[in-house]
Protein backbone atom coordinates (compact mmCIF):
# COMPACT_ATOMS: atom_id res chain seq x y z
CA MET A 1 17.39 10.25 -66.65
CA GLU A 2 20.55 11.58 -64.98
CA ALA A 3 18.70 14.71 -63.86
CA THR A 4 15.99 12.58 -62.30
CA LYS A 5 18.54 10.60 -60.26
CA ASP A 6 20.19 13.84 -59.12
CA GLN A 7 16.83 15.18 -58.03
CA GLU A 8 16.05 11.97 -56.10
CA HIS A 9 19.44 12.16 -54.36
CA LYS A 10 18.85 15.79 -53.50
CA ASP A 11 15.46 15.00 -52.00
CA LYS A 12 16.98 12.34 -49.78
CA THR A 13 19.66 14.54 -48.23
CA PRO A 14 19.41 15.16 -44.48
CA GLU A 15 18.57 18.83 -45.03
CA LYS A 16 15.40 17.91 -46.91
CA ILE A 17 14.17 15.22 -44.52
CA GLU A 18 12.29 16.26 -41.41
CA ILE A 19 13.87 14.70 -38.32
CA GLN A 20 11.15 13.19 -36.14
CA ASP A 21 13.12 11.95 -33.14
CA VAL A 22 16.56 12.31 -31.54
CA THR A 23 17.21 8.61 -32.18
CA ASP A 24 16.95 9.38 -35.91
CA ILE A 25 20.24 11.25 -35.48
CA PHE A 26 22.47 8.88 -33.47
CA GLY A 27 20.75 5.67 -34.53
CA LYS A 28 17.71 3.77 -33.33
CA TYR A 29 19.92 0.85 -32.37
CA GLY A 30 23.66 0.33 -32.52
CA PRO A 31 26.78 -0.55 -30.51
CA TRP A 32 25.99 2.03 -27.82
CA GLN A 33 22.49 0.66 -27.18
CA THR A 34 24.02 -2.83 -27.10
CA ARG A 35 26.32 -1.73 -24.26
CA PHE A 36 23.34 -0.33 -22.40
CA VAL A 37 21.32 -3.53 -22.85
CA VAL A 38 24.23 -5.67 -21.60
CA TRP A 39 24.67 -3.38 -18.60
CA MET A 40 20.95 -3.63 -17.78
CA PHE A 41 21.06 -7.41 -18.21
CA LEU A 42 23.99 -7.87 -15.82
CA GLY A 43 22.58 -5.39 -13.32
CA GLY A 44 19.32 -7.29 -13.19
CA ILE A 45 20.98 -10.39 -11.67
CA PRO A 46 22.02 -8.93 -8.26
CA SER A 47 18.84 -6.85 -8.36
CA CYS A 48 16.75 -10.02 -8.33
CA TRP A 49 18.95 -11.61 -5.66
CA ASN A 50 18.29 -8.75 -3.25
CA ASN A 51 14.56 -8.67 -3.96
CA LEU A 52 13.90 -12.37 -3.38
CA VAL A 53 16.63 -13.45 -0.95
CA ILE A 54 14.55 -13.29 2.23
CA PRO A 55 13.21 -16.90 1.93
CA PHE A 56 16.86 -18.05 2.20
CA LEU A 57 17.93 -15.60 4.89
CA ALA A 58 14.86 -16.46 6.96
CA PRO A 59 13.67 -19.86 5.71
CA GLU A 60 11.04 -22.03 7.32
CA VAL A 61 13.25 -24.00 9.71
CA ASP A 62 12.11 -25.97 12.72
CA TYR A 63 13.03 -24.79 16.21
CA TRP A 64 12.19 -25.78 19.77
CA CYS A 65 13.03 -24.98 23.39
CA GLN A 66 16.68 -25.49 24.25
CA LYS A 67 17.69 -28.07 26.87
CA PRO A 68 18.70 -26.63 30.22
CA SER A 69 22.36 -26.87 31.21
CA VAL A 70 21.66 -29.69 33.60
CA SER A 71 23.58 -32.97 33.71
CA LEU A 72 20.30 -34.90 33.57
CA PHE A 73 19.79 -33.82 29.93
CA ASP A 74 23.38 -33.76 28.70
CA ASN A 75 23.32 -37.11 26.92
CA MET A 76 19.80 -36.84 25.51
CA THR A 77 19.26 -36.79 21.78
CA THR A 78 17.01 -34.15 20.25
CA ALA A 79 14.27 -36.71 19.68
CA GLU A 80 14.46 -37.88 23.30
CA TRP A 81 14.39 -34.30 24.58
CA LYS A 82 11.34 -33.41 22.48
CA SER A 83 9.50 -36.55 23.51
CA LEU A 84 10.18 -35.87 27.16
CA ALA A 85 9.87 -32.09 27.52
CA ILE A 86 8.01 -30.59 24.54
CA PRO A 87 4.19 -30.74 24.42
CA LYS A 88 2.38 -31.79 21.25
CA TYR A 89 -0.49 -29.92 19.60
CA ASP A 90 -2.27 -31.46 16.60
CA LEU A 91 0.44 -34.14 16.40
CA GLU A 92 3.22 -31.52 16.13
CA TYR A 93 5.71 -30.49 18.78
CA SER A 94 5.30 -26.96 20.07
CA ARG A 95 7.94 -24.49 18.96
CA CYS A 96 7.42 -21.97 21.73
CA LEU A 97 6.43 -23.94 24.86
CA MET A 98 7.95 -26.64 27.01
CA TYR A 99 6.96 -28.45 30.20
CA ASP A 100 8.09 -26.77 33.37
CA ILE A 101 11.32 -28.25 34.71
CA GLU A 102 11.55 -28.20 38.48
CA LEU A 103 15.15 -28.31 39.56
CA ASN A 104 16.50 -29.67 42.83
CA VAL A 105 19.00 -26.96 43.66
CA THR A 106 21.20 -29.20 45.77
CA GLU A 107 20.95 -32.35 43.68
CA LYS A 108 20.24 -31.53 40.04
CA LYS A 109 20.11 -35.16 39.15
CA ASN A 110 16.78 -35.35 40.92
CA SER A 111 15.26 -32.62 38.77
CA PHE A 112 12.02 -33.60 37.07
CA ILE A 113 9.62 -32.38 34.40
CA ASN A 114 6.15 -31.22 35.36
CA VAL A 115 3.90 -32.28 32.46
CA ASN A 116 0.96 -30.48 34.03
CA LYS A 117 2.47 -27.04 33.45
CA THR A 118 3.92 -25.40 30.34
CA VAL A 119 6.18 -22.35 30.20
CA PRO A 120 7.53 -20.20 27.33
CA CYS A 121 10.92 -21.07 25.95
CA VAL A 122 13.83 -19.00 27.22
CA LYS A 123 16.35 -20.15 24.60
CA PHE A 124 15.94 -22.07 21.39
CA GLU A 125 17.58 -24.80 19.35
CA PHE A 126 17.32 -24.80 15.55
CA ASP A 127 17.22 -27.49 12.91
CA HIS A 128 20.49 -27.29 10.95
CA SER A 129 19.72 -30.04 8.45
CA LEU A 130 19.25 -27.48 5.62
CA TYR A 131 20.81 -24.25 6.92
CA THR A 132 23.75 -23.69 9.25
CA SER A 133 22.67 -20.16 10.11
CA THR A 134 19.55 -18.00 9.62
CA ILE A 135 18.48 -14.56 10.79
CA GLN A 136 15.86 -16.24 13.01
CA GLU A 137 18.68 -17.85 14.93
CA GLU A 138 20.90 -14.76 14.76
CA TRP A 139 18.33 -12.45 16.33
CA SER A 140 15.73 -14.84 17.88
CA LEU A 141 12.99 -14.05 15.34
CA VAL A 142 10.77 -16.85 16.60
CA CYS A 143 7.36 -17.32 18.22
CA ASP A 144 5.88 -13.89 18.99
CA ASN A 145 8.72 -12.23 17.06
CA ASN A 146 8.34 -14.33 13.91
CA TRP A 147 6.12 -11.72 12.23
CA LEU A 148 9.11 -9.35 12.21
CA ILE A 149 10.45 -11.30 9.22
CA SER A 150 7.43 -10.30 7.13
CA LEU A 151 7.72 -6.77 8.49
CA SER A 152 11.36 -6.63 7.40
CA GLN A 153 10.43 -7.61 3.85
CA SER A 154 7.61 -5.05 3.83
CA ILE A 155 10.03 -2.33 4.96
CA TYR A 156 12.36 -3.41 2.15
CA MET A 157 9.51 -2.96 -0.32
CA ALA A 158 8.74 0.41 1.26
CA GLY A 159 12.19 1.44 0.05
CA PHE A 160 10.91 0.90 -3.49
CA LEU A 161 7.92 3.08 -2.77
CA VAL A 162 10.03 5.95 -1.46
CA ALA A 163 12.44 5.58 -4.38
CA VAL A 164 9.79 5.89 -7.05
CA LEU A 165 8.15 8.82 -5.26
CA VAL A 166 11.38 10.76 -4.78
CA MET A 167 13.82 9.58 -7.45
CA GLY A 168 11.29 9.74 -10.29
CA GLN A 169 10.57 13.41 -9.81
CA ILE A 170 14.23 14.27 -9.23
CA SER A 171 15.16 12.41 -12.42
CA ASP A 172 12.67 14.37 -14.51
CA ARG A 173 14.03 17.63 -13.06
CA VAL A 174 17.81 17.16 -12.92
CA GLY A 175 18.34 14.35 -15.41
CA ARG A 176 18.64 10.57 -15.57
CA ARG A 177 22.39 10.18 -14.99
CA PRO A 178 22.79 12.09 -11.68
CA VAL A 179 19.97 10.07 -10.13
CA MET A 180 21.43 6.80 -11.42
CA LEU A 181 24.82 7.62 -9.84
CA LEU A 182 23.27 8.67 -6.52
CA CYS A 183 21.19 5.49 -6.35
CA LEU A 184 24.23 3.36 -7.19
CA PHE A 185 26.15 4.86 -4.26
CA ILE A 186 23.25 4.32 -1.85
CA MET A 187 22.79 0.72 -2.99
CA CYS A 188 26.45 -0.27 -2.55
CA VAL A 189 26.90 1.32 0.88
CA ALA A 190 23.61 -0.06 2.21
CA GLY A 191 24.40 -3.53 0.83
CA PHE A 192 27.53 -3.89 2.94
CA ALA A 193 25.75 -2.38 5.95
CA THR A 194 23.15 -5.15 5.62
CA THR A 195 25.80 -7.85 5.43
CA PHE A 196 27.63 -6.74 8.56
CA ALA A 197 24.57 -5.59 10.51
CA PRO A 198 25.06 -6.08 14.28
CA THR A 199 21.32 -6.01 15.07
CA PHE A 200 18.06 -6.81 13.34
CA THR A 201 17.11 -3.12 13.39
CA VAL A 202 20.28 -2.20 11.49
CA PHE A 203 19.69 -5.12 9.11
CA THR A 204 16.15 -4.00 8.31
CA THR A 205 17.08 -0.31 7.99
CA ALA A 206 20.00 -1.07 5.67
CA ARG A 207 17.82 -3.26 3.45
CA PHE A 208 15.38 -0.37 3.16
CA PHE A 209 18.16 1.74 1.64
CA VAL A 210 19.28 -1.14 -0.58
CA ALA A 211 15.78 -1.19 -2.04
CA LEU A 212 15.68 2.59 -2.34
CA GLY A 213 18.94 2.71 -4.27
CA LYS A 214 18.24 -0.34 -6.40
CA SER A 215 14.73 0.70 -7.35
CA GLY A 216 15.76 4.24 -8.24
CA LEU A 217 18.67 2.93 -10.29
CA TYR A 218 16.70 0.31 -12.21
CA THR A 219 13.62 2.44 -12.93
CA THR A 220 15.65 5.42 -14.12
CA SER A 221 17.95 3.19 -16.19
CA PHE A 222 14.99 1.49 -17.86
CA ILE A 223 13.45 4.83 -18.77
CA HIS A 224 16.82 6.01 -20.10
CA LEU A 225 17.13 2.88 -22.24
CA MET A 226 13.60 3.20 -23.65
CA GLU A 227 14.29 6.85 -24.50
CA SER A 228 17.50 5.93 -26.31
CA CYS A 229 16.22 3.46 -28.91
CA GLY A 230 13.78 3.56 -31.79
CA PRO A 231 10.18 2.37 -31.37
CA GLU A 232 10.74 -0.69 -33.54
CA HIS A 233 13.43 -1.89 -31.10
CA ARG A 234 11.75 -1.14 -27.78
CA THR A 235 9.91 -4.47 -27.63
CA TRP A 236 12.86 -6.84 -27.78
CA ILE A 237 15.17 -4.50 -25.86
CA GLY A 238 12.67 -4.31 -23.02
CA VAL A 239 12.44 -8.09 -22.92
CA VAL A 240 16.18 -8.84 -23.23
CA SER A 241 17.19 -6.26 -20.62
CA GLY A 242 14.83 -7.96 -18.17
CA ILE A 243 16.23 -11.47 -18.69
CA GLY A 244 18.98 -10.69 -16.18
CA TRP A 245 16.27 -10.75 -13.49
CA SER A 246 15.29 -14.28 -14.57
CA VAL A 247 18.93 -15.41 -14.50
CA GLY A 248 19.18 -14.05 -10.98
CA TYR A 249 15.98 -15.88 -10.03
CA VAL A 250 17.23 -19.33 -11.05
CA THR A 251 20.77 -18.85 -9.69
CA LEU A 252 19.72 -17.60 -6.25
CA PRO A 253 18.58 -21.03 -4.95
CA GLY A 254 21.90 -22.47 -6.15
CA ILE A 255 23.82 -19.88 -4.13
CA ALA A 256 21.67 -20.59 -1.08
CA TRP A 257 22.05 -24.37 -1.52
CA LEU A 258 25.85 -24.11 -1.69
CA LEU A 259 26.30 -21.69 1.23
CA ARG A 260 23.32 -22.31 3.58
CA ASN A 261 24.46 -19.46 5.82
CA TRP A 262 22.64 -16.12 5.86
CA PHE A 263 25.81 -14.03 6.26
CA LEU A 264 27.62 -15.71 3.36
CA ILE A 265 24.54 -15.55 1.14
CA GLU A 266 24.12 -11.82 1.83
CA LEU A 267 27.82 -11.19 1.17
CA VAL A 268 27.76 -13.03 -2.17
CA ILE A 269 24.70 -11.16 -3.47
CA THR A 270 26.17 -7.79 -2.40
CA VAL A 271 29.70 -7.90 -3.84
CA PRO A 272 28.68 -8.20 -7.55
CA GLY A 273 26.83 -4.89 -7.23
CA LEU A 274 30.21 -3.17 -7.24
CA ALA A 275 30.56 -4.09 -10.92
CA ILE A 276 27.69 -1.73 -11.69
CA VAL A 277 30.06 1.15 -10.87
CA SER A 278 30.99 0.92 -14.57
CA LEU A 279 27.89 3.09 -15.01
CA TRP A 280 30.14 6.09 -14.31
CA TRP A 281 31.98 5.62 -17.60
CA LEU A 282 29.45 3.81 -19.79
CA ILE A 283 26.20 5.74 -19.55
CA PRO A 284 25.89 9.46 -20.46
CA GLU A 285 22.83 11.63 -19.88
CA SER A 286 19.67 10.80 -21.85
CA PRO A 287 19.75 12.77 -25.14
CA ARG A 288 15.96 12.79 -25.27
CA TRP A 289 15.72 14.31 -21.79
CA LEU A 290 18.30 16.95 -22.68
CA VAL A 291 16.39 17.89 -25.82
CA SER A 292 13.07 17.97 -23.96
CA GLN A 293 14.64 20.41 -21.49
CA GLU A 294 16.15 22.39 -24.39
CA LYS A 295 19.69 21.90 -23.04
CA LEU A 296 20.95 21.85 -26.58
CA GLU A 297 24.68 22.40 -25.97
CA LYS A 298 24.89 19.40 -23.67
CA ALA A 299 22.57 17.42 -25.97
CA GLU A 300 24.85 18.13 -28.92
CA GLU A 301 27.87 16.97 -26.93
CA VAL A 302 26.20 13.70 -25.91
CA VAL A 303 24.70 13.01 -29.34
CA LYS A 304 28.11 13.48 -30.98
CA LYS A 305 29.58 10.81 -28.70
CA LEU A 306 26.74 8.41 -29.48
CA MET A 307 26.99 9.10 -33.21
CA LYS A 308 30.69 8.26 -33.04
CA ILE A 309 30.03 4.97 -31.23
CA ASN A 310 27.17 4.05 -33.58
CA LYS A 311 29.10 5.29 -36.64
CA LYS A 312 26.40 7.76 -37.70
CA GLU A 313 26.72 11.19 -39.30
CA CYS A 314 24.53 14.26 -39.54
CA ALA A 315 25.25 17.18 -41.84
CA ASP A 316 23.90 19.85 -39.46
CA LEU A 317 23.47 18.52 -35.91
CA PRO A 318 22.48 21.83 -34.23
CA ALA A 319 19.79 22.40 -36.84
CA ALA A 320 18.49 18.86 -36.42
CA LEU A 321 18.22 19.30 -32.65
CA GLN A 322 16.48 22.64 -33.09
CA GLN A 323 14.05 20.95 -35.44
CA ILE A 324 13.17 18.35 -32.80
CA VAL A 325 12.73 21.03 -30.12
CA LYS A 326 10.46 23.04 -32.39
CA LYS A 327 8.35 19.98 -33.12
CA SER A 328 7.88 19.01 -29.46
CA ARG A 329 7.53 22.51 -27.97
CA LYS A 330 4.15 23.24 -26.47
CA LYS A 331 1.63 25.34 -28.34
CA VAL A 332 1.22 27.44 -25.20
CA GLU A 333 4.34 29.33 -24.19
CA ASN A 334 4.64 27.93 -20.68
CA ASP A 335 8.19 26.63 -20.51
CA GLU A 336 8.35 26.64 -16.71
CA LYS A 337 5.41 24.26 -16.45
CA LYS A 338 6.88 22.12 -19.17
CA ARG A 339 10.22 21.79 -17.42
CA HIS A 340 8.74 21.05 -14.00
CA ALA A 341 5.77 18.82 -14.74
CA SER A 342 4.84 16.62 -11.79
CA MET A 343 2.71 13.59 -11.08
CA LEU A 344 -0.33 15.88 -10.64
CA ASP A 345 -0.15 16.55 -14.37
CA LEU A 346 -1.03 12.90 -14.95
CA LEU A 347 -4.44 13.56 -13.38
CA ARG A 348 -5.29 17.03 -14.71
CA THR A 349 -6.82 15.98 -18.03
CA PRO A 350 -9.56 13.33 -18.41
CA SER A 351 -8.03 10.95 -20.94
CA LEU A 352 -4.56 10.84 -19.43
CA ARG A 353 -6.12 10.55 -15.97
CA LYS A 354 -8.22 7.54 -16.99
CA SER A 355 -5.26 5.71 -18.48
CA SER A 356 -3.05 6.57 -15.50
CA LEU A 357 -5.55 5.20 -12.97
CA VAL A 358 -5.99 1.98 -14.95
CA LEU A 359 -2.22 1.55 -15.12
CA PHE A 360 -1.91 2.20 -11.39
CA PHE A 361 -4.32 -0.61 -10.59
CA ILE A 362 -2.70 -3.08 -12.99
CA TRP A 363 0.73 -2.37 -11.52
CA PHE A 364 -0.66 -2.95 -8.02
CA VAL A 365 -2.19 -6.28 -9.06
CA THR A 366 0.95 -7.41 -10.88
CA ALA A 367 3.35 -6.71 -8.01
CA PHE A 368 0.99 -8.09 -5.34
CA ILE A 369 0.55 -11.41 -7.14
CA PHE A 370 4.16 -11.71 -8.32
CA TYR A 371 5.69 -11.28 -4.87
CA GLY A 372 2.89 -13.16 -3.17
CA LEU A 373 3.72 -16.22 -5.29
CA SER A 374 7.51 -15.75 -5.34
CA LEU A 375 8.08 -15.26 -1.61
CA ASN A 376 6.00 -18.25 -0.58
CA THR A 377 7.40 -21.05 -2.73
CA ASN A 378 8.66 -22.72 0.47
CA ASP A 379 5.03 -23.50 1.29
CA LEU A 380 4.80 -25.81 -1.72
CA TYR A 381 5.35 -29.50 -1.27
CA GLY A 382 8.92 -30.72 -1.87
CA ASN A 383 12.48 -29.42 -1.71
CA PRO A 384 12.49 -25.63 -1.07
CA PHE A 385 15.55 -25.02 -3.28
CA LEU A 386 14.02 -26.94 -6.17
CA ASN A 387 10.64 -25.26 -5.76
CA PHE A 388 12.25 -21.83 -5.88
CA PHE A 389 14.28 -22.84 -8.94
CA ILE A 390 11.15 -23.99 -10.77
CA SER A 391 9.39 -20.76 -9.86
CA GLY A 392 12.29 -18.88 -11.43
CA ALA A 393 12.63 -21.19 -14.41
CA VAL A 394 9.10 -20.43 -15.61
CA GLU A 395 10.28 -16.86 -16.19
CA PHE A 396 12.26 -17.93 -19.27
CA PRO A 397 9.29 -19.26 -21.25
CA ALA A 398 7.36 -16.28 -19.91
CA GLN A 399 9.97 -13.91 -21.36
CA PHE A 400 9.99 -15.78 -24.69
CA LEU A 401 6.21 -15.81 -24.95
CA ALA A 402 6.14 -12.15 -23.97
CA PHE A 403 8.54 -11.30 -26.79
CA ILE A 404 6.51 -13.21 -29.37
CA SER A 405 3.27 -11.68 -28.12
CA LEU A 406 4.63 -8.14 -28.18
CA LYS A 407 6.04 -8.64 -31.66
CA TYR A 408 2.86 -9.95 -33.26
CA PHE A 409 -0.01 -8.76 -31.08
CA GLY A 410 1.01 -5.30 -29.91
CA ARG A 411 0.71 -4.28 -26.26
CA ARG A 412 -2.91 -4.38 -25.13
CA MET A 413 -3.94 -7.89 -26.15
CA PRO A 414 -0.94 -9.65 -24.51
CA LEU A 415 -1.49 -7.61 -21.34
CA LEU A 416 -5.16 -8.54 -21.21
CA ALA A 417 -4.50 -12.24 -21.91
CA SER A 418 -1.74 -12.58 -19.29
CA LEU A 419 -3.90 -11.05 -16.55
CA PHE A 420 -6.96 -13.11 -17.44
CA ILE A 421 -5.24 -16.50 -17.87
CA GLY A 422 -3.07 -15.92 -14.79
CA GLY A 423 -6.13 -15.09 -12.71
CA ILE A 424 -8.00 -18.18 -13.87
CA ALA A 425 -4.95 -20.36 -13.14
CA CYS A 426 -4.68 -19.05 -9.56
CA SER A 427 -8.41 -19.59 -9.04
CA LEU A 428 -8.20 -23.19 -10.26
CA THR A 429 -5.88 -24.07 -7.36
CA ILE A 430 -8.83 -23.76 -4.96
CA PRO A 431 -10.88 -26.84 -5.95
CA VAL A 432 -7.80 -29.14 -6.23
CA PRO A 433 -8.07 -31.98 -3.64
CA GLU A 434 -5.36 -32.55 -1.02
CA ASP A 435 -4.08 -35.73 -2.70
CA LEU A 436 -3.27 -33.83 -5.93
CA GLN A 437 -0.80 -31.28 -4.64
CA TRP A 438 1.24 -31.55 -7.84
CA LEU A 439 -1.76 -30.22 -9.81
CA ARG A 440 -2.17 -27.33 -7.38
CA THR A 441 1.51 -26.48 -7.83
CA THR A 442 1.11 -26.66 -11.62
CA PHE A 443 -1.73 -24.15 -11.60
CA ALA A 444 0.25 -21.87 -9.27
CA MET A 445 3.26 -22.02 -11.61
CA LEU A 446 1.03 -21.22 -14.60
CA GLY A 447 -0.23 -18.19 -12.70
CA LYS A 448 3.39 -17.25 -11.96
CA LEU A 449 4.29 -17.58 -15.65
CA CYS A 450 1.44 -15.29 -16.69
CA ILE A 451 2.11 -12.65 -14.06
CA THR A 452 5.79 -12.60 -15.09
CA GLY A 453 4.66 -11.85 -18.62
CA THR A 454 2.41 -9.12 -17.25
CA PHE A 455 5.42 -7.44 -15.66
CA VAL A 456 7.19 -7.39 -19.04
CA PHE A 457 4.14 -5.99 -20.82
CA ILE A 458 3.34 -3.33 -18.23
CA TYR A 459 6.92 -2.03 -18.00
CA ILE A 460 7.20 -1.54 -21.76
CA TYR A 461 3.66 -0.22 -22.12
CA SER A 462 4.09 2.35 -19.35
CA ALA A 463 7.38 3.62 -20.79
CA GLU A 464 5.56 4.23 -24.08
CA ALA A 465 2.29 5.60 -22.68
CA PHE A 466 3.57 8.69 -20.83
CA PRO A 467 4.99 11.87 -22.44
CA THR A 468 8.69 12.60 -21.99
CA VAL A 469 8.17 15.48 -19.54
CA VAL A 470 6.42 13.15 -17.08
CA ARG A 471 7.63 9.76 -18.26
CA ASN A 472 9.82 8.99 -15.28
CA VAL A 473 7.22 10.43 -12.92
CA GLY A 474 4.53 8.37 -14.63
CA VAL A 475 6.41 5.10 -14.43
CA GLY A 476 7.48 6.09 -10.93
CA CYS A 477 3.85 6.56 -9.84
CA CYS A 478 2.93 3.20 -11.37
CA SER A 479 5.80 1.61 -9.51
CA THR A 480 4.67 3.39 -6.33
CA VAL A 481 1.28 1.71 -6.28
CA ALA A 482 2.99 -1.53 -7.29
CA ARG A 483 5.14 -1.29 -4.17
CA ILE A 484 2.03 -0.97 -2.07
CA GLY A 485 1.10 -4.37 -3.45
CA SER A 486 4.58 -5.75 -2.78
CA ILE A 487 4.51 -4.33 0.77
CA ILE A 488 1.30 -6.26 1.46
CA ALA A 489 2.50 -9.44 -0.28
CA PRO A 490 4.82 -10.74 2.53
CA PHE A 491 1.83 -10.98 4.85
CA VAL A 492 -0.13 -13.23 2.47
CA LYS A 493 1.20 -16.25 4.32
CA GLU A 494 -0.19 -14.94 7.63
CA LEU A 495 -3.56 -14.35 5.96
CA GLY A 496 -3.69 -17.96 4.82
CA ARG A 497 -2.80 -19.22 8.28
CA ALA A 498 -5.47 -17.06 9.93
CA THR A 499 -8.26 -18.04 7.50
CA HIS A 500 -7.75 -20.80 4.95
CA PRO A 501 -4.75 -21.75 2.73
CA ASN A 502 -6.84 -21.14 -0.41
CA VAL A 503 -7.78 -17.55 0.45
CA PRO A 504 -4.57 -15.89 -0.89
CA LEU A 505 -4.76 -17.65 -4.26
CA GLY A 506 -8.46 -16.83 -4.48
CA ILE A 507 -7.67 -13.15 -4.01
CA PHE A 508 -4.88 -13.35 -6.59
CA GLY A 509 -7.25 -14.86 -9.12
CA ALA A 510 -10.11 -12.41 -8.56
CA ILE A 511 -8.11 -9.18 -8.81
CA SER A 512 -6.11 -10.43 -11.80
CA VAL A 513 -9.25 -11.22 -13.82
CA PHE A 514 -10.78 -7.87 -12.83
CA GLY A 515 -7.63 -6.09 -13.99
CA SER A 516 -7.89 -7.78 -17.39
CA PHE A 517 -11.35 -6.22 -17.84
CA LEU A 518 -9.81 -2.73 -17.53
CA VAL A 519 -7.17 -3.19 -20.24
CA PRO A 520 -9.51 -2.27 -23.16
CA LEU A 521 -9.72 1.25 -21.69
CA LEU A 522 -6.05 1.79 -22.62
CA PRO A 523 -4.76 2.88 -26.07
CA GLU A 524 -2.43 0.75 -28.15
CA THR A 525 1.12 2.16 -28.08
CA ASN A 526 2.92 -0.30 -30.35
CA MET A 527 5.05 1.39 -33.03
CA HIS A 528 3.97 4.92 -32.06
CA THR A 529 6.60 7.61 -31.72
CA MET A 530 7.04 8.59 -28.07
CA MET A 531 5.10 11.67 -27.00
CA ASP A 532 7.02 14.60 -25.55
CA SER A 533 4.46 17.13 -24.24
CA LEU A 534 1.40 16.73 -22.03
CA GLU A 535 -0.81 17.98 -24.86
CA GLN A 536 0.45 15.23 -27.13
CA GLY A 537 -0.19 12.69 -24.40
CA GLU A 538 -3.76 13.85 -23.76
CA GLU A 539 -4.57 13.83 -27.48
CA PHE A 540 -3.13 10.33 -27.91
CA HIS A 541 -5.04 8.84 -24.96
CA ARG A 542 -8.25 10.60 -26.00
CA LYS A 543 -8.12 9.02 -29.45
CA ASN A 544 -7.47 5.61 -27.83
CA PRO A 545 -6.17 3.84 -30.96
CA LYS A 546 -7.13 0.18 -30.85
CA LYS A 547 -4.88 -1.03 -33.63
CA THR A 548 -1.20 -0.56 -34.21
CA LYS A 549 -0.16 2.19 -36.59
CA PRO A 550 3.25 1.21 -37.87
CA GLU A 551 5.55 4.09 -38.73
CA LYS A 552 8.26 1.89 -40.17
CA LEU A 553 8.19 3.54 -43.60
CA GLU A 554 8.57 7.07 -42.25
CA LEU A 555 11.22 6.08 -39.69
CA ALA A 556 13.17 4.07 -42.24
CA THR A 557 13.28 7.10 -44.53
CA VAL A 558 14.59 9.33 -41.76
CA SER A 559 17.10 6.68 -40.78
CA GLN A 560 18.44 6.53 -44.32
CA ALA A 561 18.83 10.30 -44.29
CA VAL A 562 21.10 10.40 -41.26
CA GLU A 563 23.08 7.25 -42.09
CA VAL A 564 25.38 9.06 -44.48
């Protein structure tokens, strides 16, 4: 009996257990991952503020032609001035035209208004009942220049596109941490340049770099986090780390309501970003990336630190790392290709190419609908601050439902359901009559809830679906096509004005439902160990597993081996 126990103990020693993953060594979840999750949570708040602040920097405020500096009009109220000098079109006062005022040069008191002739406004007055200052007023973004506001937001989103194209590939080549630090520097400098911008051109250019830095930082950090935890923890970590975005969403209208001044709002959302500088001390390089690049000395150094924080031990760390490298090394001796895989590798093989293209489209749909709904809440009936708050508040039940769905239904089914239900909800806004605007808003908010869930699903799914050597490039490419959708989204309002108010929501509904039909082409990734090489990725996507294949028993055994 004693000999049997000794034999069982011997079999369970670390030397006898095959290490499957680097997280088996320093722990699949522990105090260090908790720090990372908290950092991601807090960083998501100012990230959301910058993404969605434009409706409060450039809100829908009324404006009209300014009164001339003539004594005749000095004592007129705004209502009297509009009634006297501003023409009406469809029962609304014109914003850009006024009647021609013919002045008597010698006796200005005899000046009169020619109602038979209209002229463009030279200067403007703005409604200050909700906001004391906006960028429209700061830089005269009115009338023929009003479209520049949408252009500015599109240029901001273009910063995301450039970030995921450039930073993703750099991150896979030089590491996660250097890119995160570079993006942090860019984001902070550009944030203050935006706040103190002397011209609209400087404002727009600086916001482009804010987006570039923020997108590169968040995407790379998310990949780093997913690489640093075990598969059984990725679901809830992915959801919790994203809740910071939702907190930012619901607090932004409160900031805008309290300040009501574009400069102060921009300053308040920029300063907290400085707290993210703690990244310098808190986050080391990704151990998984180091191992995949066979930088074993540095990997050993980082893993030792993480083991100390997580209170883990390993009898022979160098041997364990060598074991992981041997397991993930390609069958073909082509190390150079392995180390410098690019986004073209996503399209070289048929199965990985099919999954990549499907993911690209779903990311495009998700971002297009999300920002199309989020940036246009001011068009809904009621208080704009309250409408924006409600739009953000639905993200909390969306996050909760996403967590439950991911826990019990895997990845594919929740993704399919969120796209389909969200698309149907957007489509149902079309037949709602004018006297039931509350119902139209309800359907729009249901669509917003579903598309928020889709963002959670697609982020986690994509991080699991690509092999390590192209994971950041893969998620970066997905985010690239998503940014194309977000670049187009600010102009949705103009599309509705040019055609019919129901057209944008009809488009949202149609492409969302179509995207749901493509989800069955993707494999289920829930509870699968992350792939490292392109060969492993192609084999996995070719098999296209439709059901989850839990590896809890195997992973638990390995975990017991290293938790000495």
